[in-house]
PDB file of N, CA and C in Angstrom:
ATOM      1  N   MET A   1      -5.483 -24.415   0.684  1.00  0.00           N
ATOM      2  CA  MET A   1      -5.988 -23.116   1.833  1.00  0.00           C
ATOM      3  C   MET A   1      -7.234 -22.892   1.470  1.00  0.00           C
ATOM      4  N   ALA A   2      -8.130 -23.019   2.084  1.00  0.00           N
ATOM      5  CA  ALA A   2      -9.679 -22.533   1.944  1.00  0.00           C
ATOM      6  C   ALA A   2      -9.746 -20.818   1.656  1.00  0.00           C
ATOM      7  N   ASN A   3      -9.009 -20.006   2.497  1.00  0.00           N
ATOM      8  CA  ASN A   3      -9.030 -18.874   2.282  1.00  0.00           C
ATOM      9  C   ASN A   3      -8.159 -17.742   1.451  1.00  0.00           C
ATOM     10  N   GLN A   4      -7.561 -18.706   0.521  1.00  0.00           N
ATOM     11  CA  GLN A   4      -6.440 -18.593  -0.276  1.00  0.00           C
ATOM     12  C   GLN A   4      -6.902 -17.495  -1.310  1.00  0.00           C
ATOM     13  N   ILE A   5      -6.488 -16.504  -1.736  1.00  0.00           N
ATOM     14  CA  ILE A   5      -7.117 -15.299  -2.604  1.00  0.00           C
ATOM     15  C   ILE A   5      -5.999 -15.528  -3.737  1.00  0.00           C
ATOM     16  N   ASN A   6      -6.489 -15.396  -4.984  1.00  0.00           N
ATOM     17  CA  ASN A   6      -5.966 -15.721  -6.054  1.00  0.00           C
ATOM     18  C   ASN A   6      -5.103 -14.219  -6.394  1.00  0.00           C
ATOM     19  N   LYS A   7      -3.685 -14.165  -6.699  1.00  0.00           N
ATOM     20  CA  LYS A   7      -3.092 -13.109  -6.779  1.00  0.00           C
ATOM     21  C   LYS A   7      -3.457 -12.029  -7.874  1.00  0.00           C
ATOM     22  N   VAL A   8      -4.086 -12.684  -8.807  1.00  0.00           N
ATOM     23  CA  VAL A   8      -4.675 -11.819  -9.831  1.00  0.00           C
ATOM     24  C   VAL A   8      -6.005 -11.057  -9.204  1.00  0.00           C
ATOM     25  N   ASP A   9      -6.873 -11.436  -8.335  1.00  0.00           N
ATOM     26  CA  ASP A   9      -7.728 -11.017  -7.676  1.00  0.00           C
ATOM     27  C   ASP A   9      -7.370  -9.852  -6.903  1.00  0.00           C
ATOM     28  N   LEU A  10      -6.272 -10.432  -6.115  1.00  0.00           N
ATOM     29  CA  LEU A  10      -5.951  -9.154  -5.023  1.00  0.00           C
ATOM     30  C   LEU A  10      -5.377  -8.230  -5.927  1.00  0.00           C
ATOM     31  N   ARG A  11      -4.522  -8.282  -6.834  1.00  0.00           N
ATOM     32  CA  ARG A  11      -3.831  -7.066  -7.642  1.00  0.00           C
ATOM     33  C   ARG A  11      -4.976  -6.378  -8.497  1.00  0.00           C
ATOM     34  N   HIS A  12      -5.940  -6.981  -8.951  1.00  0.00           N
ATOM     35  CA  HIS A  12      -7.294  -6.223  -9.372  1.00  0.00           C
ATOM     36  C   HIS A  12      -7.624  -5.316  -8.402  1.00  0.00           C
ATOM     37  N   SER A  13      -8.031  -6.033  -7.283  1.00  0.00           N
ATOM     38  CA  SER A  13      -8.726  -5.070  -6.289  1.00  0.00           C
ATOM     39  C   SER A  13      -7.932  -3.887  -5.843  1.00  0.00           C
ATOM     40  N   LEU A  14      -6.551  -3.967  -5.629  1.00  0.00           N
ATOM     41  CA  LEU A  14      -5.563  -3.051  -5.356  1.00  0.00           C
ATOM     42  C   LEU A  14      -5.489  -2.333  -6.538  1.00  0.00           C
ATOM     43  N   ASP A  15      -5.461  -2.514  -7.890  1.00  0.00           N
ATOM     44  CA  ASP A  15      -5.622  -1.563  -9.112  1.00  0.00           C
ATOM     45  C   ASP A  15      -6.738  -0.735  -8.853  1.00  0.00           C
ATOM     46  N   ARG A  16      -7.983  -1.303  -8.586  1.00  0.00           N
ATOM     47  CA  ARG A  16      -9.179  -0.464  -8.781  1.00  0.00           C
ATOM     48  C   ARG A  16      -9.264   0.480  -7.584  1.00  0.00           C
ATOM     49  N   LEU A  17      -8.663   0.168  -6.361  1.00  0.00           N
ATOM     50  CA  LEU A  17      -8.563   1.059  -5.375  1.00  0.00           C
ATOM     51  C   LEU A  17      -7.509   2.096  -5.664  1.00  0.00           C
ATOM     52  N   TYR A  18      -6.502   1.893  -6.192  1.00  0.00           N
ATOM     53  CA  TYR A  18      -5.605   2.736  -6.821  1.00  0.00           C
ATOM     54  C   TYR A  18      -5.993   3.845  -7.689  1.00  0.00           C
ATOM     55  N   ASP A  19      -6.844   2.993  -8.797  1.00  0.00           N
ATOM     56  CA  ASP A  19      -7.583   4.009  -9.727  1.00  0.00           C
ATOM     57  C   ASP A  19      -8.567   5.108  -8.946  1.00  0.00           C
ATOM     58  N   VAL A  20      -9.222   4.753  -8.020  1.00  0.00           N
ATOM     59  CA  VAL A  20      -9.936   5.635  -7.286  1.00  0.00           C
ATOM     60  C   VAL A  20      -9.219   6.683  -6.574  1.00  0.00           C
ATOM     61  N   ILE A  21      -8.316   6.400  -5.860  1.00  0.00           N
ATOM     62  CA  ILE A  21      -7.364   7.128  -5.309  1.00  0.00           C
ATOM     63  C   ILE A  21      -6.786   8.150  -6.317  1.00  0.00           C
ATOM     64  N   ALA A  22      -6.150   7.597  -7.264  1.00  0.00           N
ATOM     65  CA  ALA A  22      -5.839   8.733  -8.243  1.00  0.00           C
ATOM     66  C   ALA A  22      -6.529   9.596  -9.226  1.00  0.00           C
ATOM     67  N   SER A  23      -8.023   9.226  -9.176  1.00  0.00           N
ATOM     68  CA  SER A  23      -9.010  10.150  -9.385  1.00  0.00           C
ATOM     69  C   SER A  23      -9.135  11.372  -8.312  1.00  0.00           C
ATOM     70  N   ARG A  24      -9.117  11.090  -7.081  1.00  0.00           N
ATOM     71  CA  ARG A  24      -9.123  12.106  -6.264  1.00  0.00           C
ATOM     72  C   ARG A  24      -8.152  13.427  -6.249  1.00  0.00           C
ATOM     73  N   LYS A  25      -7.317  13.257  -6.970  1.00  0.00           N
ATOM     74  CA  LYS A  25      -6.234  14.174  -7.161  1.00  0.00           C
ATOM     75  C   LYS A  25      -6.605  15.661  -7.236  1.00  0.00           C
ATOM     76  N   ASP A  26      -7.286  15.843  -8.034  1.00  0.00           N
ATOM     77  CA  ASP A  26      -7.963  16.991  -8.382  1.00  0.00           C
ATOM     78  C   ASP A  26      -9.291  17.541  -7.703  1.00  0.00           C
ATOM     79  N   GLU A  27      -9.714  16.700  -6.700  1.00  0.00           N
ATOM     80  CA  GLU A  27     -11.106  16.695  -6.252  1.00  0.00           C
ATOM     81  C   GLU A  27     -10.709  17.922  -5.018  1.00  0.00           C
ATOM     82  N   SER A  28     -11.763  18.527  -4.456  1.00  0.00           N
ATOM     83  CA  SER A  28     -11.580  19.694  -3.178  1.00  0.00           C
ATOM     84  C   SER A  28     -11.182  18.485  -2.003  1.00  0.00           C
ATOM     85  N   PRO A  29     -10.231  19.325  -1.350  1.00  0.00           N
ATOM     86  CA  PRO A  29      -9.875  18.785   0.013  1.00  0.00           C
ATOM     87  C   PRO A  29     -11.063  18.788   0.939  1.00  0.00           C
ATOM     88  N   GLU A  30     -11.761  19.833   0.620  1.00  0.00           N
ATOM     89  CA  GLU A  30     -13.077  19.900   1.538  1.00  0.00           C
ATOM     90  C   GLU A  30     -14.055  18.543   1.366  1.00  0.00           C
ATOM     91  N   ASP A  31     -13.918  17.975   0.422  1.00  0.00           N
ATOM     92  CA  ASP A  31     -15.071  16.793   0.132  1.00  0.00           C
ATOM     93  C   ASP A  31     -14.412  15.409  -0.025  1.00  0.00           C
ATOM     94  N   SER A  32     -13.049  15.448   0.049  1.00  0.00           N
ATOM     95  CA  SER A  32     -12.308  13.944   0.178  1.00  0.00           C
ATOM     96  C   SER A  32     -11.327  13.933   0.932  1.00  0.00           C
ATOM     97  N   TYR A  33     -11.389  13.009   1.724  1.00  0.00           N
ATOM     98  CA  TYR A  33     -10.074  12.812   2.819  1.00  0.00           C
ATOM     99  C   TYR A  33      -8.902  12.450   1.747  1.00  0.00           C
ATOM    100  N   THR A  34      -8.937  11.704   0.799  1.00  0.00           N
ATOM    101  CA  THR A  34      -7.787  11.202  -0.429  1.00  0.00           C
ATOM    102  C   THR A  34      -7.241  12.602  -0.788  1.00  0.00           C
ATOM    103  N   ALA A  35      -8.285  13.672  -1.199  1.00  0.00           N
ATOM    104  CA  ALA A  35      -7.944  14.863  -1.790  1.00  0.00           C
ATOM    105  C   ALA A  35      -6.832  15.837  -0.757  1.00  0.00           C
ATOM    106  N   GLN A  36      -7.478  15.499   0.843  1.00  0.00           N
ATOM    107  CA  GLN A  36      -6.717  16.304   1.738  1.00  0.00           C
ATOM    108  C   GLN A  36      -5.200  15.742   1.850  1.00  0.00           C
ATOM    109  N   LEU A  37      -5.306  14.360   1.553  1.00  0.00           N
ATOM    110  CA  LEU A  37      -3.911  13.717   1.581  1.00  0.00           C
ATOM    111  C   LEU A  37      -2.865  14.603   0.412  1.00  0.00           C
ATOM    112  N   PHE A  38      -3.606  14.493  -0.801  1.00  0.00           N
ATOM    113  CA  PHE A  38      -2.708  14.780  -1.797  1.00  0.00           C
ATOM    114  C   PHE A  38      -2.233  16.380  -1.818  1.00  0.00           C
ATOM    115  N   ALA A  39      -3.359  17.139  -1.036  1.00  0.00           N
ATOM    116  CA  ALA A  39      -2.884  18.583  -0.965  1.00  0.00           C
ATOM    117  C   ALA A  39      -1.757  18.760  -0.237  1.00  0.00           C
ATOM    118  N   ASN A  40      -1.657  17.909   0.775  1.00  0.00           N
ATOM    119  CA  ASN A  40      -0.260  18.316   1.585  1.00  0.00           C
ATOM    120  C   ASN A  40       0.655  17.122   1.225  1.00  0.00           C
ATOM    121  N   ALA A  41       1.083  16.866   0.149  1.00  0.00           N
ATOM    122  CA  ALA A  41       1.874  15.737  -0.264  1.00  0.00           C
ATOM    123  C   ALA A  41       3.348  16.335  -0.563  1.00  0.00           C
ATOM    124  N   PRO A  42       4.236  15.547  -0.509  1.00  0.00           N
ATOM    125  CA  PRO A  42       4.483  14.185  -0.223  1.00  0.00           C
ATOM    126  C   PRO A  42       4.277  14.073   1.598  1.00  0.00           C
ATOM    127  N   ALA A  43       4.383  15.173   2.241  1.00  0.00           N
ATOM    128  CA  ALA A  43       4.554  14.915   3.797  1.00  0.00           C
ATOM    129  C   ALA A  43       3.446  14.365   4.439  1.00  0.00           C
ATOM    130  N   ASN A  44       2.387  14.473   4.380  1.00  0.00           N
ATOM    131  CA  ASN A  44       1.319  14.134   4.966  1.00  0.00           C
ATOM    132  C   ASN A  44       0.933  12.595   4.523  1.00  0.00           C
ATOM    133  N   PRO A  45       0.925  12.288   3.138  1.00  0.00           N
ATOM    134  CA  PRO A  45       0.386  10.949   2.924  1.00  0.00           C
ATOM    135  C   PRO A  45       1.871   9.795   3.582  1.00  0.00           C
ATOM    136  N   ALA A  46       3.156  10.504   3.567  1.00  0.00           N
ATOM    137  CA  ALA A  46       4.089   9.837   4.168  1.00  0.00           C
ATOM    138  C   ALA A  46       3.941   9.489   5.451  1.00  0.00           C
ATOM    139  N   ARG A  47       3.649  10.547   6.318  1.00  0.00           N
ATOM    140  CA  ARG A  47       3.150  10.447   7.790  1.00  0.00           C
ATOM    141  C   ARG A  47       2.487   9.553   7.920  1.00  0.00           C
ATOM    142  N   LYS A  48       1.326   9.490   7.285  1.00  0.00           N
ATOM    143  CA  LYS A  48       0.048   8.374   7.420  1.00  0.00           C
ATOM    144  C   LYS A  48       0.613   7.255   7.126  1.00  0.00           C
ATOM    145  N   LEU A  49       1.353   6.995   6.285  1.00  0.00           N
ATOM    146  CA  LEU A  49       1.763   5.499   6.017  1.00  0.00           C
ATOM    147  C   LEU A  49       2.612   5.105   7.098  1.00  0.00           C
ATOM    148  N   CYS A  50       3.236   5.973   7.717  1.00  0.00           N
ATOM    149  CA  CYS A  50       4.394   5.478   8.748  1.00  0.00           C
ATOM    150  C   CYS A  50       3.400   5.218   9.984  1.00  0.00           C
ATOM    151  N   GLU A  51       2.232   6.183  10.134  1.00  0.00           N
ATOM    152  CA  GLU A  51       1.356   5.843  11.610  1.00  0.00           C
ATOM    153  C   GLU A  51       0.687   4.420  11.187  1.00  0.00           C
ATOM    154  N   GLU A  52       0.174   4.270  10.003  1.00  0.00           N
ATOM    155  CA  GLU A  52      -0.463   2.983   9.873  1.00  0.00           C
ATOM    156  C   GLU A  52       0.326   1.636  10.026  1.00  0.00           C
ATOM    157  N   ALA A  53       1.503   2.005   9.331  1.00  0.00           N
ATOM    158  CA  ALA A  53       2.609   0.801   9.688  1.00  0.00           C
ATOM    159  C   ALA A  53       2.845   0.529  11.217  1.00  0.00           C
ATOM    160  N   THR A  54       2.969   1.607  11.867  1.00  0.00           N
ATOM    161  CA  THR A  54       2.965   1.475  13.388  1.00  0.00           C
ATOM    162  C   THR A  54       1.860   0.777  13.954  1.00  0.00           C
ATOM    163  N   GLU A  55       0.712   1.057  13.533  1.00  0.00           N
ATOM    164  CA  GLU A  55      -0.442   0.617  14.256  1.00  0.00           C
ATOM    165  C   GLU A  55      -0.378  -1.070  13.603  1.00  0.00           C
ATOM    166  N   VAL A  56      -0.031  -1.183  12.250  1.00  0.00           N
ATOM    167  CA  VAL A  56      -0.044  -2.626  12.140  1.00  0.00           C
ATOM    168  C   VAL A  56       0.812  -3.505  12.954  1.00  0.00           C
ATOM    169  N   LEU A  57       2.167  -3.117  13.385  1.00  0.00           N
ATOM    170  CA  LEU A  57       3.094  -3.290  14.066  1.00  0.00           C
ATOM    171  C   LEU A  57       2.547  -3.810  15.646  1.00  0.00           C
ATOM    172  N   ILE A  58       1.880  -2.758  15.904  1.00  0.00           N
ATOM    173  CA  ILE A  58       1.197  -3.112  17.349  1.00  0.00           C
ATOM    174  C   ILE A  58       0.231  -3.922  17.270  1.00  0.00           C
ATOM    175  N   GLU A  59      -0.623  -4.085  16.546  1.00  0.00           N
ATOM    176  CA  GLU A  59      -1.861  -5.046  16.413  1.00  0.00           C
ATOM    177  C   GLU A  59      -1.173  -6.767  16.124  1.00  0.00           C
ATOM    178  N   ALA A  60      -0.224  -6.531  15.294  1.00  0.00           N
ATOM    179  CA  ALA A  60       0.649  -7.871  15.059  1.00  0.00           C
ATOM    180  C   ALA A  60       1.252  -8.167  16.575  1.00  0.00           C
ATOM    181  N   LEU A  61       1.712  -7.333  17.160  1.00  0.00           N
ATOM    182  CA  LEU A  61       2.443  -7.669  18.529  1.00  0.00           C
ATOM    183  C   LEU A  61       1.696  -8.489  19.717  1.00  0.00           C
ATOM    184  N   ASN A  62       0.321  -7.524  19.309  1.00  0.00           N
ATOM    185  CA  ASN A  62      -0.799  -7.690  20.368  1.00  0.00           C
ATOM    186  C   ASN A  62      -1.622  -9.116  20.079  1.00  0.00           C
ATOM    187  N   HIS A  63      -1.056  -9.813  18.711  1.00  0.00           N
ATOM    188  CA  HIS A  63      -1.995 -10.976  18.221  1.00  0.00           C
ATOM    189  C   HIS A  63      -3.400 -10.745  17.963  1.00  0.00           C
ATOM    190  N   ASN A  64      -3.885  -9.417  17.716  1.00  0.00           N
ATOM    191  CA  ASN A  64      -5.340  -9.250  17.461  1.00  0.00           C
ATOM    192  C   ASN A  64      -5.425  -8.918  16.077  1.00  0.00           C
ATOM    193  N   LYS A  65      -6.063 -10.211  15.638  1.00  0.00           N
ATOM    194  CA  LYS A  65      -6.359 -10.323  14.209  1.00  0.00           C
ATOM    195  C   LYS A  65      -7.150  -9.647  13.571  1.00  0.00           C
ATOM    196  N   VAL A  66      -8.618  -9.161  14.411  1.00  0.00           N
ATOM    197  CA  VAL A  66      -9.269  -8.283  14.130  1.00  0.00           C
ATOM    198  C   VAL A  66      -8.874  -6.988  13.454  1.00  0.00           C
ATOM    199  N   LYS A  67      -8.024  -6.411  14.461  1.00  0.00           N
ATOM    200  CA  LYS A  67      -7.661  -4.946  14.347  1.00  0.00           C
ATOM    201  C   LYS A  67      -6.446  -5.017  13.377  1.00  0.00           C
ATOM    202  N   LEU A  68      -5.617  -6.257  13.456  1.00  0.00           N
ATOM    203  CA  LEU A  68      -4.483  -6.234  12.500  1.00  0.00           C
ATOM    204  C   LEU A  68      -5.033  -6.343  11.062  1.00  0.00           C
ATOM    205  N   THR A  69      -6.331  -7.070  10.623  1.00  0.00           N
ATOM    206  CA  THR A  69      -6.935  -7.132   9.359  1.00  0.00           C
ATOM    207  C   THR A  69      -7.209  -5.583   9.024  1.00  0.00           C
ATOM    208  N   ALA A  70      -7.819  -4.854  10.114  1.00  0.00           N
ATOM    209  CA  ALA A  70      -8.309  -3.636   9.630  1.00  0.00           C
ATOM    210  C   ALA A  70      -7.173  -2.609   9.538  1.00  0.00           C
ATOM    211  N   GLU A  71      -6.308  -2.521  10.348  1.00  0.00           N
ATOM    212  CA  GLU A  71      -5.138  -1.815  10.229  1.00  0.00           C
ATOM    213  C   GLU A  71      -4.493  -1.768   8.934  1.00  0.00           C
ATOM    214  N   SER A  72      -4.250  -3.467   8.625  1.00  0.00           N
ATOM    215  CA  SER A  72      -3.483  -3.653   7.289  1.00  0.00           C
ATOM    216  C   SER A  72      -4.328  -2.998   6.037  1.00  0.00           C
ATOM    217  N   ALA A  73      -5.548  -2.986   6.202  1.00  0.00           N
ATOM    218  CA  ALA A  73      -6.456  -2.468   4.929  1.00  0.00           C
ATOM    219  C   ALA A  73      -5.898  -0.852   4.940  1.00  0.00           C
ATOM    220  N   ASP A  74      -6.030  -0.143   6.296  1.00  0.00           N
ATOM    221  CA  ASP A  74      -5.603   1.172   6.080  1.00  0.00           C
ATOM    222  C   ASP A  74      -4.288   1.305   5.774  1.00  0.00           C
ATOM    223  N   LEU A  75      -3.243   0.456   6.119  1.00  0.00           N
ATOM    224  CA  LEU A  75      -1.985   0.696   5.634  1.00  0.00           C
ATOM    225  C   LEU A  75      -1.781   0.640   3.810  1.00  0.00           C
ATOM    226  N   LEU A  76      -2.636  -0.640   3.314  1.00  0.00           N
ATOM    227  CA  LEU A  76      -2.438  -0.703   1.928  1.00  0.00           C
ATOM    228  C   LEU A  76      -2.986   0.645   1.205  1.00  0.00           C
ATOM    229  N   TYR A  77      -4.200   1.092   1.669  1.00  0.00           N
ATOM    230  CA  TYR A  77      -4.757   2.209   1.147  1.00  0.00           C
ATOM    231  C   TYR A  77      -3.725   3.486   1.319  1.00  0.00           C
ATOM    232  N   HIS A  78      -3.090   3.555   2.490  1.00  0.00           N
ATOM    233  CA  HIS A  78      -2.020   4.944   2.305  1.00  0.00           C
ATOM    234  C   HIS A  78      -0.966   4.315   1.571  1.00  0.00           C
ATOM    235  N   LEU A  79      -0.336   3.267   1.410  1.00  0.00           N
ATOM    236  CA  LEU A  79       0.587   2.967   0.498  1.00  0.00           C
ATOM    237  C   LEU A  79       0.392   3.458  -0.885  1.00  0.00           C
ATOM    238  N   LEU A  80      -1.073   3.100  -1.368  1.00  0.00           N
ATOM    239  CA  LEU A  80      -1.233   3.094  -2.782  1.00  0.00           C
ATOM    240  C   LEU A  80      -1.489   4.993  -3.043  1.00  0.00           C
ATOM    241  N   VAL A  81      -1.917   5.703  -1.820  1.00  0.00           N
ATOM    242  CA  VAL A  81      -1.508   6.994  -1.999  1.00  0.00           C
ATOM    243  C   VAL A  81      -0.389   7.585  -2.227  1.00  0.00           C
ATOM    244  N   VAL A  82       0.580   6.985  -1.500  1.00  0.00           N
ATOM    245  CA  VAL A  82       2.243   7.445  -1.507  1.00  0.00           C
ATOM    246  C   VAL A  82       2.549   6.857  -3.133  1.00  0.00           C
ATOM    247  N   TRP A  83       1.987   5.948  -3.578  1.00  0.00           N
ATOM    248  CA  TRP A  83       2.442   5.330  -5.076  1.00  0.00           C
ATOM    249  C   TRP A  83       1.815   6.513  -5.945  1.00  0.00           C
ATOM    250  N   ALA A  84       0.491   6.955  -5.464  1.00  0.00           N
ATOM    251  CA  ALA A  84       0.086   7.841  -6.475  1.00  0.00           C
ATOM    252  C   ALA A  84       0.746   9.193  -6.510  1.00  0.00           C
ATOM    253  N   VAL A  85       1.097   9.693  -5.271  1.00  0.00           N
ATOM    254  CA  VAL A  85       1.602  10.915  -5.154  1.00  0.00           C
ATOM    255  C   VAL A  85       3.000  11.004  -5.797  1.00  0.00           C
ATOM    256  N   ALA A  86       3.708   9.986  -5.939  1.00  0.00           N
ATOM    257  CA  ALA A  86       4.893   9.650  -6.457  1.00  0.00           C
ATOM    258  C   ALA A  86       5.035   9.029  -7.837  1.00  0.00           C
ATOM    259  N   ASP A  87       3.758   9.267  -8.552  1.00  0.00           N
ATOM    260  CA  ASP A  87       3.577   8.547  -9.800  1.00  0.00           C
ATOM    261  C   ASP A  87       3.987   7.138 -10.015  1.00  0.00           C
ATOM    262  N   ILE A  88       3.590   6.300  -9.301  1.00  0.00           N
ATOM    263  CA  ILE A  88       4.010   5.018  -9.359  1.00  0.00           C
ATOM    264  C   ILE A  88       2.986   4.259  -9.894  1.00  0.00           C
ATOM    265  N   ASP A  89       3.005   3.221 -10.940  1.00  0.00           N
ATOM    266  CA  ASP A  89       1.931   2.588 -11.282  1.00  0.00           C
ATOM    267  C   ASP A  89       2.039   1.375 -10.688  1.00  0.00           C
ATOM    268  N   PRO A  90       0.955   0.688  -9.925  1.00  0.00           N
ATOM    269  CA  PRO A  90       0.991  -0.231  -9.234  1.00  0.00           C
ATOM    270  C   PRO A  90       1.768  -1.559 -10.291  1.00  0.00           C
ATOM    271  N   GLN A  91       1.407  -1.610 -11.484  1.00  0.00           N
ATOM    272  CA  GLN A  91       1.887  -2.717 -12.352  1.00  0.00           C
ATOM    273  C   GLN A  91       3.378  -2.720 -12.335  1.00  0.00           C
ATOM    274  N   ASP A  92       4.109  -1.396 -12.158  1.00  0.00           N
ATOM    275  CA  ASP A  92       5.591  -1.673 -11.851  1.00  0.00           C
ATOM    276  C   ASP A  92       5.938  -2.415 -10.571  1.00  0.00           C
ATOM    277  N   VAL A  93       5.197  -2.079  -9.753  1.00  0.00           N
ATOM    278  CA  VAL A  93       5.325  -2.816  -8.380  1.00  0.00           C
ATOM    279  C   VAL A  93       5.113  -4.555  -8.571  1.00  0.00           C
ATOM    280  N   TRP A  94       4.021  -4.569  -9.167  1.00  0.00           N
ATOM    281  CA  TRP A  94       3.440  -6.233  -9.448  1.00  0.00           C
ATOM    282  C   TRP A  94       4.534  -6.783 -10.245  1.00  0.00           C
ATOM    283  N   GLN A  95       5.350  -6.164 -11.346  1.00  0.00           N
ATOM    284  CA  GLN A  95       6.266  -6.832 -12.062  1.00  0.00           C
ATOM    285  C   GLN A  95       7.694  -6.781 -11.293  1.00  0.00           C
ATOM    286  N   GLU A  96       7.979  -5.964 -10.498  1.00  0.00           N
ATOM    287  CA  GLU A  96       8.923  -6.025  -9.511  1.00  0.00           C
ATOM    288  C   GLU A  96       8.728  -7.260  -8.512  1.00  0.00           C
ATOM    289  N   LEU A  97       7.534  -7.564  -8.070  1.00  0.00           N
ATOM    290  CA  LEU A  97       7.505  -8.645  -7.145  1.00  0.00           C
ATOM    291  C   LEU A  97       7.435  -9.932  -7.969  1.00  0.00           C
ATOM    292  N   ASP A  98       6.910 -10.219  -9.317  1.00  0.00           N
ATOM    293  CA  ASP A  98       7.027 -10.938 -10.032  1.00  0.00           C
ATOM    294  C   ASP A  98       8.560 -11.548 -10.487  1.00  0.00           C
ATOM    295  N   ARG A  99       9.343 -10.330 -10.886  1.00  0.00           N
ATOM    296  CA  ARG A  99      10.824 -10.576 -11.077  1.00  0.00           C
ATOM    297  C   ARG A  99      11.519 -11.375  -9.753  1.00  0.00           C
ATOM    298  N   ARG A 100      11.065 -10.979  -8.675  1.00  0.00           N
ATOM    299  CA  ARG A 100      11.696 -11.528  -7.547  1.00  0.00           C
ATOM    300  C   ARG A 100      11.105 -12.847  -6.873  1.00  0.00           C
ATOM    301  N   GLN A 101      10.184 -13.315  -7.377  1.00  0.00           N
ATOM    302  CA  GLN A 101       9.428 -14.610  -7.128  1.00  0.00           C
ATOM    303  C   GLN A 101      10.355 -15.871  -7.403  1.00  0.00           C
ATOM    304  N   GLY A 102      10.673 -16.566  -6.654  1.00  0.00           N
ATOM    305  CA  GLY A 102      11.554 -17.670  -6.804  1.00  0.00           C
ATOM    306  C   GLY A 102      13.135 -17.455  -6.572  1.00  0.00           C
ATOM    307  N   THR A 103      13.453 -16.271  -6.191  1.00  0.00           N
ATOM    308  CA  THR A 103      14.658 -15.882  -5.878  1.00  0.00           C
ATOM    309  C   THR A 103      14.569 -15.782  -4.173  1.00  0.00           C
ATOM    310  N   SER A 104      15.677 -16.311  -3.546  1.00  0.00           N
ATOM    311  CA  SER A 104      15.975 -16.288  -1.985  1.00  0.00           C
ATOM    312  C   SER A 104      15.706 -14.684  -1.661  1.00  0.00           C
ATOM    313  N   GLY A 105      14.915 -14.581  -0.486  1.00  0.00           N
ATOM    314  CA  GLY A 105      15.268 -13.197  -0.076  1.00  0.00           C
ATOM    315  C   GLY A 105      16.436 -12.741   0.509  1.00  0.00           C
ATOM    316  N   LEU A 106      17.144 -13.533   1.055  1.00  0.00           N
ATOM    317  CA  LEU A 106      18.516 -13.385   1.320  1.00  0.00           C
ATOM    318  C   LEU A 106      19.540 -12.970   0.073  1.00  0.00           C
ATOM    319  N   VAL A 107      19.294 -13.483  -0.901  1.00  0.00           N
ATOM    320  CA  VAL A 107      19.996 -13.378  -2.343  1.00  0.00           C
ATOM    321  C   VAL A 107      19.839 -11.856  -2.708  1.00  0.00           C
ATOM    322  N   GLU A 108      18.232 -11.982  -2.692  1.00  0.00           N
ATOM    323  CA  GLU A 108      17.478 -10.519  -3.444  1.00  0.00           C
ATOM    324  C   GLU A 108      18.316  -9.527  -2.839  1.00  0.00           C
ATOM    325  N   LYS A 109      18.199  -9.512  -1.446  1.00  0.00           N
ATOM    326  CA  LYS A 109      18.555  -8.546  -0.485  1.00  0.00           C
ATOM    327  C   LYS A 109      20.124  -7.994  -0.672  1.00  0.00           C
ATOM    328  N   GLN A 110      20.868  -9.068  -1.006  1.00  0.00           N
ATOM    329  CA  GLN A 110      22.315  -8.849  -1.028  1.00  0.00           C
ATOM    330  C   GLN A 110      22.533  -8.203  -2.332  1.00  0.00           C
ATOM    331  N   SER A 111      21.721  -8.719  -3.651  1.00  0.00           N
ATOM    332  CA  SER A 111      21.618  -7.818  -4.600  1.00  0.00           C
ATOM    333  C   SER A 111      21.713  -6.103  -4.632  1.00  0.00           C
ATOM    334  N   ARG A 112      20.708  -5.892  -3.995  1.00  0.00           N
ATOM    335  CA  ARG A 112      20.600  -4.430  -3.616  1.00  0.00           C
ATOM    336  C   ARG A 112      21.727  -3.922  -3.187  1.00  0.00           C
ATOM    337  N   GLN A 113      22.702  -4.496  -2.369  1.00  0.00           N
ATOM    338  CA  GLN A 113      23.614  -3.777  -1.521  1.00  0.00           C
ATOM    339  C   GLN A 113      24.557  -3.657  -2.377  1.00  0.00           C
ATOM    340  N   LEU A 114      24.910  -4.295  -3.357  1.00  0.00           N
ATOM    341  CA  LEU A 114      26.193  -3.831  -4.346  1.00  0.00           C
ATOM    342  C   LEU A 114      25.951  -2.703  -4.907  1.00  0.00           C
TER     343      LEU A 114
END
């Protein structure tokens, strides 16, 4: 696949973005949108994540690749903000994804219901 992105590169990009987001925790909300989200956490970051997820859904249903791409970037950003608010290290998420690699989605989901 010509446009396939190496998962290490993707993780590195998201790790870098997470570091920038986390660095905004102590900045003035007047100077930083991310700091505004932190100032009203966890409610505002969670609401924004839900809003962006809805926008991704709408663009996916509309088959609008350009808008879906842009909204997906917004969704990832807001997900990383929620992780930072909850003090979740992206490495923990990457490890969980790696753990699930090669496991049927149906089997994995059933294991969480026990």
